[in-house]
């Protein structure tokens, strides 16, 4: 049955939560291991999502590195 949920009733929030979990997992792994040895599969596992879900949000590992750099530049220490 469709149409019973109010528009924007959690789908966007769930996507944002997944994306944040992926970013947090990646940041933790990059901090522990450095960026080069970390694979997309590792980031997915650390973020608690499947490999396919990781690639849905980030085309490749470099995409998440770019996201982390963007965030760092937007919020300098």
C-alpha atoms as a PDB file:
ATOM      1  CA  UNK A   1       0.000   0.000   0.000  1.00  0.00           C
ATOM      2  CA  UNK A   2       1.476   3.332  -1.011  1.00  0.00           C
ATOM      3  CA  UNK A   3       0.590   6.928  -0.383  1.00  0.00           C
ATOM      4  CA  UNK A   4      -0.071   6.634   3.363  1.00  0.00           C
ATOM      5  CA  UNK A   5       3.238   8.186   4.412  1.00  0.00           C
ATOM      6  CA  UNK A   6       3.656  11.944   4.569  1.00  0.00           C
ATOM      7  CA  UNK A   7       6.114  13.347   2.053  1.00  0.00           C
ATOM      8  CA  UNK A   8       9.671  13.256   3.404  1.00  0.00           C
ATOM      9  CA  UNK A   9       8.692  11.102   6.375  1.00  0.00           C
ATOM     10  CA  UNK A  10      12.071   9.650   7.109  1.00  0.00           C
ATOM     11  CA  UNK A  11      13.472   8.531   3.775  1.00  0.00           C
ATOM     12  CA  UNK A  12      15.758  11.525   3.561  1.00  0.00           C
ATOM     13  CA  UNK A  13      16.688  11.256   7.224  1.00  0.00           C
ATOM     14  CA  UNK A  14      17.574   7.584   6.764  1.00  0.00           C
ATOM     15  CA  UNK A  15      19.738   8.402   3.731  1.00  0.00           C
ATOM     16  CA  UNK A  16      21.481  11.143   5.691  1.00  0.00           C
ATOM     17  CA  UNK A  17      22.088   8.743   8.594  1.00  0.00           C
ATOM     18  CA  UNK A  18      23.588   6.132   6.268  1.00  0.00           C
ATOM     19  CA  UNK A  19      25.808   8.699   4.594  1.00  0.00           C
ATOM     20  CA  UNK A  20      27.018   9.984   7.969  1.00  0.00           C
ATOM     21  CA  UNK A  21      27.711   6.431   9.171  1.00  0.00           C
ATOM     22  CA  UNK A  22      29.801   5.807   6.050  1.00  0.00           C
ATOM     23  CA  UNK A  23      31.726   9.059   6.493  1.00  0.00           C
ATOM     24  CA  UNK A  24      32.352   8.356  10.188  1.00  0.00           C
ATOM     25  CA  UNK A  25      33.558   4.837   9.422  1.00  0.00           C
ATOM     26  CA  UNK A  26      35.859   6.099   6.687  1.00  0.00           C
ATOM     27  CA  UNK A  27      37.317   8.796   8.898  1.00  0.00           C
ATOM     28  CA  UNK A  28      38.023   6.257  11.630  1.00  0.00           C
ATOM     29  CA  UNK A  29      39.715   3.849   9.196  1.00  0.00           C
ATOM     30  CA  UNK A  30      41.746   6.572   7.495  1.00  0.00           C
ATOM     31  CA  UNK A  31      42.904   7.795  10.903  1.00  0.00           C
ATOM     32  CA  UNK A  32      43.927   4.291  11.962  1.00  0.00           C
ATOM     33  CA  UNK A  33      45.461   2.989   8.721  1.00  0.00           C
ATOM     34  CA  UNK A  34      46.016   5.926   6.392  1.00  0.00           C
ATOM     35  CA  UNK A  35      44.036   6.354   3.192  1.00  0.00           C
ATOM     36  CA  UNK A  36      45.862   4.081   0.756  1.00  0.00           C
ATOM     37  CA  UNK A  37      45.288   0.662   2.337  1.00  0.00           C
ATOM     38  CA  UNK A  38      41.575   1.281   3.015  1.00  0.00           C
ATOM     39  CA  UNK A  39      39.205  -0.240   0.449  1.00  0.00           C
ATOM     40  CA  UNK A  40      35.584   0.578  -0.273  1.00  0.00           C
ATOM     41  CA  UNK A  41      34.610  -2.750   1.278  1.00  0.00           C
ATOM     42  CA  UNK A  42      36.400  -1.776   4.484  1.00  0.00           C
ATOM     43  CA  UNK A  43      34.584   1.549   4.632  1.00  0.00           C
ATOM     44  CA  UNK A  44      31.229  -0.122   4.020  1.00  0.00           C
ATOM     45  CA  UNK A  45      31.820  -2.560   6.874  1.00  0.00           C
ATOM     46  CA  UNK A  46      32.970   0.214   9.210  1.00  0.00           C
ATOM     47  CA  UNK A  47      29.860   2.223   8.334  1.00  0.00           C
ATOM     48  CA  UNK A  48      27.570  -0.748   8.898  1.00  0.00           C
ATOM     49  CA  UNK A  49      26.329  -0.857   5.298  1.00  0.00           C
ATOM     50  CA  UNK A  50      26.725  -3.198   2.361  1.00  0.00           C
ATOM     51  CA  UNK A  51      29.353  -2.616  -0.292  1.00  0.00           C
ATOM     52  CA  UNK A  52      26.586  -1.766  -2.762  1.00  0.00           C
ATOM     53  CA  UNK A  53      25.174   0.849  -0.415  1.00  0.00           C
ATOM     54  CA  UNK A  54      28.605   2.421  -0.029  1.00  0.00           C
ATOM     55  CA  UNK A  55      28.938   2.723  -3.799  1.00  0.00           C
ATOM     56  CA  UNK A  56      25.437   4.181  -4.016  1.00  0.00           C
ATOM     57  CA  UNK A  57      26.587   7.131  -1.911  1.00  0.00           C
ATOM     58  CA  UNK A  58      30.196   7.367  -3.086  1.00  0.00           C
ATOM     59  CA  UNK A  59      31.223   6.338  -6.593  1.00  0.00           C
ATOM     60  CA  UNK A  60      34.654   5.317  -5.337  1.00  0.00           C
ATOM     61  CA  UNK A  61      36.911   5.635  -2.331  1.00  0.00           C
ATOM     62  CA  UNK A  62      38.283   8.914  -3.659  1.00  0.00           C
ATOM     63  CA  UNK A  63      34.769  10.348  -3.460  1.00  0.00           C
ATOM     64  CA  UNK A  64      34.670   9.907   0.283  1.00  0.00           C
ATOM     65  CA  UNK A  65      38.153  11.402   0.600  1.00  0.00           C
ATOM     66  CA  UNK A  66      36.898  14.433  -1.326  1.00  0.00           C
ATOM     67  CA  UNK A  67      33.899  14.653   1.022  1.00  0.00           C
ATOM     68  CA  UNK A  68      36.162  14.576   4.067  1.00  0.00           C
ATOM     69  CA  UNK A  69      38.411  17.287   2.600  1.00  0.00           C
ATOM     70  CA  UNK A  70      35.371  19.399   1.724  1.00  0.00           C
ATOM     71  CA  UNK A  71      34.094  19.131   5.293  1.00  0.00           C
ATOM     72  CA  UNK A  72      37.486  19.958   6.732  1.00  0.00           C
ATOM     73  CA  UNK A  73      37.842  23.037   4.551  1.00  0.00           C
ATOM     74  CA  UNK A  74      34.338  24.184   5.477  1.00  0.00           C
ATOM     75  CA  UNK A  75      35.140  23.794   9.211  1.00  0.00           C
ATOM     76  CA  UNK A  76      38.815  24.574   9.847  1.00  0.00           C
ATOM     77  CA  UNK A  77      40.233  23.903  13.317  1.00  0.00           C
END
